[in-house]
Amino acid sequence: MSWPRLVLAVASRALVSPPLAIDLLRVAWRFRVRRWWARPPFLPVPSRDYVRWRMHTAYGDEGAIPPAEDVIRYARWVGRQR
């Protein structure tokens, strides 16, 4: 699976489940780069180094792409932690 395909899979699940969409937005906001508005491309996205570190700690491979179910499970867990 590729990153765009993962985003598409997770977004399609979020369309049918508004609570999941809220949890996914919450996770995306947690992962954003601080002061994202000060650097191009001016989008609140995570840094590549941070994503690589997260993939290494979770899957043992910096280049890993998580399954959609793992992303959804994590987002729901974050939602329950509020």
PDB file of N, CA and C in Angstrom:
ATOM      1  N   MET A   1       0.845  -1.181   0.000  1.00  0.00           N
ATOM      2  CA  MET A   1       0.000   0.000   0.000  1.00  0.00           C
ATOM      3  C   MET A   1       0.891   1.245   0.000  1.00  0.00           C
ATOM      4  N   SER A   2       0.435   2.283  -0.663  1.00  0.00           N
ATOM      5  CA  SER A   2       1.168   3.556  -0.698  1.00  0.00           C
ATOM      6  C   SER A   2       0.492   4.546   0.249  1.00  0.00           C
ATOM      7  N   TRP A   3       1.173   5.644   0.541  1.00  0.00           N
ATOM      8  CA  TRP A   3       0.601   6.670   1.413  1.00  0.00           C
ATOM      9  C   TRP A   3      -0.685   7.259   0.825  1.00  0.00           C
ATOM     10  N   PRO A   4      -0.723   7.623  -0.467  1.00  0.00           N
ATOM     11  CA  PRO A   4      -1.990   8.144  -1.010  1.00  0.00           C
ATOM     12  C   PRO A   4      -3.131   7.131  -0.906  1.00  0.00           C
ATOM     13  N   ARG A   5      -2.818   5.873  -1.110  1.00  0.00           N
ATOM     14  CA  ARG A   5      -3.849   4.840  -1.010  1.00  0.00           C
ATOM     15  C   ARG A   5      -4.336   4.693   0.436  1.00  0.00           C
ATOM     16  N   LEU A   6      -3.415   4.799   1.395  1.00  0.00           N
ATOM     17  CA  LEU A   6      -3.790   4.761   2.811  1.00  0.00           C
ATOM     18  C   LEU A   6      -4.718   5.929   3.144  1.00  0.00           C
ATOM     19  N   VAL A   7      -4.352   7.120   2.693  1.00  0.00           N
ATOM     20  CA  VAL A   7      -5.184   8.299   2.953  1.00  0.00           C
ATOM     21  C   VAL A   7      -6.573   8.108   2.353  1.00  0.00           C
ATOM     22  N   LEU A   8      -6.636   7.582   1.146  1.00  0.00           N
ATOM     23  CA  LEU A   8      -7.922   7.349   0.497  1.00  0.00           C
ATOM     24  C   LEU A   8      -8.759   6.320   1.273  1.00  0.00           C
ATOM     25  N   ALA A   9      -8.130   5.260   1.729  1.00  0.00           N
ATOM     26  CA  ALA A   9      -8.848   4.226   2.483  1.00  0.00           C
ATOM     27  C   ALA A   9      -9.385   4.779   3.798  1.00  0.00           C
ATOM     28  N   VAL A  10      -8.565   5.546   4.493  1.00  0.00           N
ATOM     29  CA  VAL A  10      -8.991   6.108   5.779  1.00  0.00           C
ATOM     30  C   VAL A  10     -10.054   7.184   5.564  1.00  0.00           C
ATOM     31  N   ALA A  11      -9.883   8.015   4.542  1.00  0.00           N
ATOM     32  CA  ALA A  11     -10.864   9.069   4.261  1.00  0.00           C
ATOM     33  C   ALA A  11     -12.215   8.473   3.876  1.00  0.00           C
ATOM     34  N   SER A  12     -12.213   7.387   3.124  1.00  0.00           N
ATOM     35  CA  SER A  12     -13.489   6.775   2.747  1.00  0.00           C
ATOM     36  C   SER A  12     -14.211   6.215   3.966  1.00  0.00           C
ATOM     37  N   ARG A  13     -13.463   5.678   4.910  1.00  0.00           N
ATOM     38  CA  ARG A  13     -14.086   5.202   6.163  1.00  0.00           C
ATOM     39  C   ARG A  13     -14.612   6.368   6.984  1.00  0.00           C
ATOM     40  N   ALA A  14     -13.894   7.494   6.960  1.00  0.00           N
ATOM     41  CA  ALA A  14     -14.318   8.676   7.718  1.00  0.00           C
ATOM     42  C   ALA A  14     -15.596   9.274   7.149  1.00  0.00           C
ATOM     43  N   LEU A  15     -15.808   9.145   5.849  1.00  0.00           N
ATOM     44  CA  LEU A  15     -17.019   9.694   5.226  1.00  0.00           C
ATOM     45  C   LEU A  15     -18.289   9.031   5.746  1.00  0.00           C
ATOM     46  N   VAL A  16     -18.205   7.768   6.070  1.00  0.00           N
ATOM     47  CA  VAL A  16     -19.386   7.055   6.547  1.00  0.00           C
ATOM     48  C   VAL A  16     -19.504   7.065   8.067  1.00  0.00           C
ATOM     49  N   SER A  17     -18.486   7.567   8.759  1.00  0.00           N
ATOM     50  CA  SER A  17     -18.504   7.606  10.220  1.00  0.00           C
ATOM     51  C   SER A  17     -18.016   8.968  10.715  1.00  0.00           C
ATOM     52  N   PRO A  18     -18.924   9.916  10.916  1.00  0.00           N
ATOM     53  CA  PRO A  18     -18.508  11.244  11.394  1.00  0.00           C
ATOM     54  C   PRO A  18     -17.700  11.229  12.692  1.00  0.00           C
ATOM     55  N   PRO A  19     -18.026  10.374  13.686  1.00  0.00           N
ATOM     56  CA  PRO A  19     -17.165  10.351  14.884  1.00  0.00           C
ATOM     57  C   PRO A  19     -15.724   9.944  14.558  1.00  0.00           C
ATOM     58  N   LEU A  20     -15.570   9.016  13.630  1.00  0.00           N
ATOM     59  CA  LEU A  20     -14.219   8.622  13.217  1.00  0.00           C
ATOM     60  C   LEU A  20     -13.524   9.784  12.524  1.00  0.00           C
ATOM     61  N   ALA A  21     -14.241  10.523  11.709  1.00  0.00           N
ATOM     62  CA  ALA A  21     -13.657  11.681  11.030  1.00  0.00           C
ATOM     63  C   ALA A  21     -13.130  12.690  12.046  1.00  0.00           C
ATOM     64  N   ILE A  22     -13.873  12.920  13.100  1.00  0.00           N
ATOM     65  CA  ILE A  22     -13.434  13.851  14.149  1.00  0.00           C
ATOM     66  C   ILE A  22     -12.175  13.319  14.827  1.00  0.00           C
ATOM     67  N   ASP A  23     -12.166  12.027  15.137  1.00  0.00           N
ATOM     68  CA  ASP A  23     -10.979  11.430  15.760  1.00  0.00           C
ATOM     69  C   ASP A  23      -9.766  11.516  14.834  1.00  0.00           C
ATOM     70  N   LEU A  24      -9.958  11.289  13.540  1.00  0.00           N
ATOM     71  CA  LEU A  24      -8.845  11.382  12.587  1.00  0.00           C
ATOM     72  C   LEU A  24      -8.324  12.805  12.479  1.00  0.00           C
ATOM     73  N   LEU A  25      -9.216  13.771  12.492  1.00  0.00           N
ATOM     74  CA  LEU A  25      -8.767  15.174  12.473  1.00  0.00           C
ATOM     75  C   LEU A  25      -7.982  15.512  13.732  1.00  0.00           C
ATOM     76  N   ARG A  26      -8.420  14.985  14.841  1.00  0.00           N
ATOM     77  CA  ARG A  26      -7.708  15.209  16.106  1.00  0.00           C
ATOM     78  C   ARG A  26      -6.292  14.626  16.025  1.00  0.00           C
ATOM     79  N   VAL A  27      -6.167  13.437  15.466  1.00  0.00           N
ATOM     80  CA  VAL A  27      -4.845  12.807  15.318  1.00  0.00           C
ATOM     81  C   VAL A  27      -3.978  13.621  14.356  1.00  0.00           C
ATOM     82  N   ALA A  28      -4.547  14.035  13.247  1.00  0.00           N
ATOM     83  CA  ALA A  28      -3.790  14.835  12.276  1.00  0.00           C
ATOM     84  C   ALA A  28      -3.286  16.120  12.922  1.00  0.00           C
ATOM     85  N   TRP A  29      -4.112  16.725  13.752  1.00  0.00           N
ATOM     86  CA  TRP A  29      -3.698  17.970  14.415  1.00  0.00           C
ATOM     87  C   TRP A  29      -2.586  17.708  15.416  1.00  0.00           C
ATOM     88  N   ARG A  30      -2.612  16.569  16.098  1.00  0.00           N
ATOM     89  CA  ARG A  30      -1.543  16.215  17.038  1.00  0.00           C
ATOM     90  C   ARG A  30      -0.203  16.021  16.330  1.00  0.00           C
ATOM     91  N   PHE A  31      -0.234  15.493  15.128  1.00  0.00           N
ATOM     92  CA  PHE A  31       0.990  15.151  14.412  1.00  0.00           C
ATOM     93  C   PHE A  31       1.589  16.321  13.642  1.00  0.00           C
ATOM     94  N   ARG A  32       0.907  17.435  13.554  1.00  0.00           N
ATOM     95  CA  ARG A  32       1.374  18.552  12.726  1.00  0.00           C
ATOM     96  C   ARG A  32       2.708  19.091  13.225  1.00  0.00           C
ATOM     97  N   VAL A  33       3.424  19.732  12.320  1.00  0.00           N
ATOM     98  CA  VAL A  33       4.667  20.413  12.663  1.00  0.00           C
ATOM     99  C   VAL A  33       4.297  21.714  13.364  1.00  0.00           C
ATOM    100  N   ARG A  34       4.986  22.023  14.419  1.00  0.00           N
ATOM    101  CA  ARG A  34       4.747  23.290  15.103  1.00  0.00           C
ATOM    102  C   ARG A  34       5.163  24.433  14.187  1.00  0.00           C
ATOM    103  N   ARG A  35       4.467  25.523  14.276  1.00  0.00           N
ATOM    104  CA  ARG A  35       4.703  26.712  13.442  1.00  0.00           C
ATOM    105  C   ARG A  35       4.622  26.379  11.955  1.00  0.00           C
ATOM    106  N   TRP A  36       3.680  25.518  11.606  1.00  0.00           N
ATOM    107  CA  TRP A  36       3.509  25.096  10.209  1.00  0.00           C
ATOM    108  C   TRP A  36       3.166  26.255   9.295  1.00  0.00           C
ATOM    109  N   TRP A  37       2.567  27.283   9.821  1.00  0.00           N
ATOM    110  CA  TRP A  37       2.174  28.434   8.998  1.00  0.00           C
ATOM    111  C   TRP A  37       3.372  29.281   8.567  1.00  0.00           C
ATOM    112  N   ALA A  38       4.537  29.033   9.158  1.00  0.00           N
ATOM    113  CA  ALA A  38       5.717  29.843   8.868  1.00  0.00           C
ATOM    114  C   ALA A  38       6.609  29.248   7.774  1.00  0.00           C
ATOM    115  N   ARG A  39       6.312  28.013   7.327  1.00  0.00           N
ATOM    116  CA  ARG A  39       7.155  27.338   6.333  1.00  0.00           C
ATOM    117  C   ARG A  39       6.322  26.759   5.209  1.00  0.00           C
ATOM    118  N   PRO A  40       6.834  26.852   3.987  1.00  0.00           N
ATOM    119  CA  PRO A  40       6.136  26.207   2.874  1.00  0.00           C
ATOM    120  C   PRO A  40       6.085  24.707   3.123  1.00  0.00           C
ATOM    121  N   PRO A  41       5.076  24.054   2.761  1.00  0.00           N
ATOM    122  CA  PRO A  41       3.940  24.406   1.918  1.00  0.00           C
ATOM    123  C   PRO A  41       2.770  25.006   2.692  1.00  0.00           C
ATOM    124  N   PHE A  42       2.999  25.483   3.916  1.00  0.00           N
ATOM    125  CA  PHE A  42       1.980  26.155   4.729  1.00  0.00           C
ATOM    126  C   PHE A  42       0.774  25.256   5.008  1.00  0.00           C
ATOM    127  N   LEU A  43       1.046  23.995   5.277  1.00  0.00           N
ATOM    128  CA  LEU A  43       0.006  23.022   5.607  1.00  0.00           C
ATOM    129  C   LEU A  43       0.363  22.351   6.934  1.00  0.00           C
ATOM    130  N   PRO A  44      -0.627  22.045   7.753  1.00  0.00           N
ATOM    131  CA  PRO A  44      -0.343  21.385   9.035  1.00  0.00           C
ATOM    132  C   PRO A  44      -0.112  19.882   8.867  1.00  0.00           C
ATOM    133  N   VAL A  45       1.021  19.523   8.299  1.00  0.00           N
ATOM    134  CA  VAL A  45       1.364  18.116   8.095  1.00  0.00           C
ATOM    135  C   VAL A  45       2.568  17.758   8.965  1.00  0.00           C
ATOM    136  N   PRO A  46       2.719  16.482   9.294  1.00  0.00           N
ATOM    137  CA  PRO A  46       3.862  16.077  10.120  1.00  0.00           C
ATOM    138  C   PRO A  46       5.169  16.110   9.331  1.00  0.00           C
ATOM    139  N   SER A  47       6.263  16.249  10.040  1.00  0.00           N
ATOM    140  CA  SER A  47       7.566  16.222   9.371  1.00  0.00           C
ATOM    141  C   SER A  47       7.888  14.793   8.952  1.00  0.00           C
ATOM    142  N   ARG A  48       8.661  14.666   7.894  1.00  0.00           N
ATOM    143  CA  ARG A  48       9.055  13.332   7.416  1.00  0.00           C
ATOM    144  C   ARG A  48       9.864  12.578   8.464  1.00  0.00           C
ATOM    145  N   ASP A  49      10.750  13.303   9.151  1.00  0.00           N
ATOM    146  CA  ASP A  49      11.562  12.656  10.185  1.00  0.00           C
ATOM    147  C   ASP A  49      10.694  12.079  11.293  1.00  0.00           C
ATOM    148  N   TYR A  50       9.672  12.827  11.698  1.00  0.00           N
ATOM    149  CA  TYR A  50       8.783  12.345  12.751  1.00  0.00           C
ATOM    150  C   TYR A  50       8.015  11.114  12.287  1.00  0.00           C
ATOM    151  N   VAL A  51       7.504  11.129  11.072  1.00  0.00           N
ATOM    152  CA  VAL A  51       6.763   9.977  10.554  1.00  0.00           C
ATOM    153  C   VAL A  51       7.688   8.772  10.438  1.00  0.00           C
ATOM    154  N   ARG A  52       8.889   8.977   9.977  1.00  0.00           N
ATOM    155  CA  ARG A  52       9.849   7.863   9.890  1.00  0.00           C
ATOM    156  C   ARG A  52      10.126   7.274  11.268  1.00  0.00           C
ATOM    157  N   TRP A  53      10.315   8.146  12.262  1.00  0.00           N
ATOM    158  CA  TRP A  53      10.562   7.678  13.625  1.00  0.00           C
ATOM    159  C   TRP A  53       9.369   6.891  14.147  1.00  0.00           C
ATOM    160  N   ARG A  54       8.148   7.400  13.906  1.00  0.00           N
ATOM    161  CA  ARG A  54       6.949   6.699  14.358  1.00  0.00           C
ATOM    162  C   ARG A  54       6.820   5.332  13.700  1.00  0.00           C
ATOM    163  N   MET A  55       7.118   5.253  12.412  1.00  0.00           N
ATOM    164  CA  MET A  55       7.028   3.974  11.708  1.00  0.00           C
ATOM    165  C   MET A  55       8.100   3.010  12.210  1.00  0.00           C
ATOM    166  N   HIS A  56       9.284   3.541  12.505  1.00  0.00           N
ATOM    167  CA  HIS A  56      10.360   2.692  13.025  1.00  0.00           C
ATOM    168  C   HIS A  56       9.987   2.141  14.401  1.00  0.00           C
ATOM    169  N   THR A  57       9.449   2.983  15.276  1.00  0.00           N
ATOM    170  CA  THR A  57       9.109   2.511  16.619  1.00  0.00           C
ATOM    171  C   THR A  57       7.900   1.583  16.608  1.00  0.00           C
ATOM    172  N   ALA A  58       6.976   1.779  15.672  1.00  0.00           N
ATOM    173  CA  ALA A  58       5.773   0.946  15.644  1.00  0.00           C
ATOM    174  C   ALA A  58       5.955  -0.343  14.858  1.00  0.00           C
ATOM    175  N   TYR A  59       6.703  -0.271  13.741  1.00  0.00           N
ATOM    176  CA  TYR A  59       6.784  -1.418  12.833  1.00  0.00           C
ATOM    177  C   TYR A  59       8.202  -1.925  12.597  1.00  0.00           C
ATOM    178  N   GLY A  60       9.197  -1.226  13.158  1.00  0.00           N
ATOM    179  CA  GLY A  60      10.568  -1.668  12.987  1.00  0.00           C
ATOM    180  C   GLY A  60      11.171  -1.333  11.640  1.00  0.00           C
ATOM    181  N   ASP A  61      10.512  -0.488  10.877  1.00  0.00           N
ATOM    182  CA  ASP A  61      10.983  -0.110   9.546  1.00  0.00           C
ATOM    183  C   ASP A  61      10.559   1.325   9.275  1.00  0.00           C
ATOM    184  N   GLU A  62      11.538   2.179   8.997  1.00  0.00           N
ATOM    185  CA  GLU A  62      11.238   3.585   8.730  1.00  0.00           C
ATOM    186  C   GLU A  62      10.351   3.774   7.512  1.00  0.00           C
ATOM    187  N   GLY A  63      10.430   2.875   6.562  1.00  0.00           N
ATOM    188  CA  GLY A  63       9.661   3.001   5.332  1.00  0.00           C
ATOM    189  C   GLY A  63       8.308   2.308   5.378  1.00  0.00           C
ATOM    190  N   ALA A  64       7.923   1.809   6.541  1.00  0.00           N
ATOM    191  CA  ALA A  64       6.649   1.096   6.650  1.00  0.00           C
ATOM    192  C   ALA A  64       5.470   2.038   6.429  1.00  0.00           C
ATOM    193  N   ILE A  65       4.412   1.484   5.888  1.00  0.00           N
ATOM    194  CA  ILE A  65       3.147   2.200   5.742  1.00  0.00           C
ATOM    195  C   ILE A  65       2.127   1.399   6.537  1.00  0.00           C
ATOM    196  N   PRO A  66       1.511   2.020   7.537  1.00  0.00           N
ATOM    197  CA  PRO A  66       0.613   1.248   8.398  1.00  0.00           C
ATOM    198  C   PRO A  66      -0.661   0.829   7.670  1.00  0.00           C
ATOM    199  N   PRO A  67      -1.233  -0.281   8.078  1.00  0.00           N
ATOM    200  CA  PRO A  67      -2.531  -0.659   7.524  1.00  0.00           C
ATOM    201  C   PRO A  67      -3.597   0.353   7.973  1.00  0.00           C
ATOM    202  N   ALA A  68      -4.606   0.522   7.162  1.00  0.00           N
ATOM    203  CA  ALA A  68      -5.679   1.478   7.482  1.00  0.00           C
ATOM    204  C   ALA A  68      -6.313   1.139   8.829  1.00  0.00           C
ATOM    205  N   GLU A  69      -6.459  -0.127   9.128  1.00  0.00           N
ATOM    206  CA  GLU A  69      -7.074  -0.523  10.400  1.00  0.00           C
ATOM    207  C   GLU A  69      -6.257  -0.044  11.594  1.00  0.00           C
ATOM    208  N   ASP A  70      -4.934  -0.043  11.490  1.00  0.00           N
ATOM    209  CA  ASP A  70      -4.094   0.459  12.584  1.00  0.00           C
ATOM    210  C   ASP A  70      -4.316   1.952  12.786  1.00  0.00           C
ATOM    211  N   VAL A  71      -4.404   2.694  11.712  1.00  0.00           N
ATOM    212  CA  VAL A  71      -4.625   4.145  11.798  1.00  0.00           C
ATOM    213  C   VAL A  71      -5.986   4.407  12.435  1.00  0.00           C
ATOM    214  N   ILE A  72      -6.989   3.684  12.007  1.00  0.00           N
ATOM    215  CA  ILE A  72      -8.343   3.865  12.536  1.00  0.00           C
ATOM    216  C   ILE A  72      -8.403   3.475  14.014  1.00  0.00           C
ATOM    217  N   ARG A  73      -7.765   2.368  14.359  1.00  0.00           N
ATOM    218  CA  ARG A  73      -7.749   1.938  15.763  1.00  0.00           C
ATOM    219  C   ARG A  73      -7.068   2.977  16.643  1.00  0.00           C
ATOM    220  N   TYR A  74      -5.955   3.541  16.177  1.00  0.00           N
ATOM    221  CA  TYR A  74      -5.255   4.577  16.940  1.00  0.00           C
ATOM    222  C   TYR A  74      -6.128   5.825  17.076  1.00  0.00           C
ATOM    223  N   ALA A  75      -6.785   6.234  16.004  1.00  0.00           N
ATOM    224  CA  ALA A  75      -7.638   7.426  16.046  1.00  0.00           C
ATOM    225  C   ALA A  75      -8.779   7.232  17.044  1.00  0.00           C
ATOM    226  N   ARG A  76      -9.378   6.072  17.052  1.00  0.00           N
ATOM    227  CA  ARG A  76     -10.462   5.805  18.014  1.00  0.00           C
ATOM    228  C   ARG A  76      -9.931   5.789  19.437  1.00  0.00           C
ATOM    229  N   TRP A  77      -8.742   5.256  19.637  1.00  0.00           N
ATOM    230  CA  TRP A  77      -8.133   5.265  20.965  1.00  0.00           C
ATOM    231  C   TRP A  77      -7.902   6.703  21.430  1.00  0.00           C
ATOM    232  N   VAL A  78      -7.385   7.553  20.546  1.00  0.00           N
ATOM    233  CA  VAL A  78      -7.185   8.957  20.880  1.00  0.00           C
ATOM    234  C   VAL A  78      -8.511   9.604  21.246  1.00  0.00           C
ATOM    235  N   GLY A  79      -9.558   9.298  20.495  1.00  0.00           N
ATOM    236  CA  GLY A  79     -10.875   9.849  20.784  1.00  0.00           C
ATOM    237  C   GLY A  79     -11.392   9.449  22.162  1.00  0.00           C
ATOM    238  N   ARG A  80     -11.096   8.234  22.569  1.00  0.00           N
ATOM    239  CA  ARG A  80     -11.546   7.779  23.902  1.00  0.00           C
ATOM    240  C   ARG A  80     -10.738   8.393  25.023  1.00  0.00           C
ATOM    241  N   GLN A  81      -9.530   8.873  24.741  1.00  0.00           N
ATOM    242  CA  GLN A  81      -8.660   9.428  25.775  1.00  0.00           C
ATOM    243  C   GLN A  81      -9.038  10.839  26.203  1.00  0.00           C
ATOM    244  N   ARG A  82      -9.908  11.479  25.452  1.00  0.00           N
ATOM    245  CA  ARG A  82     -10.288  12.851  25.784  1.00  0.00           C
ATOM    246  C   ARG A  82     -10.970  12.938  27.116  1.00  0.00           C
TER     247      ARG A  82
END
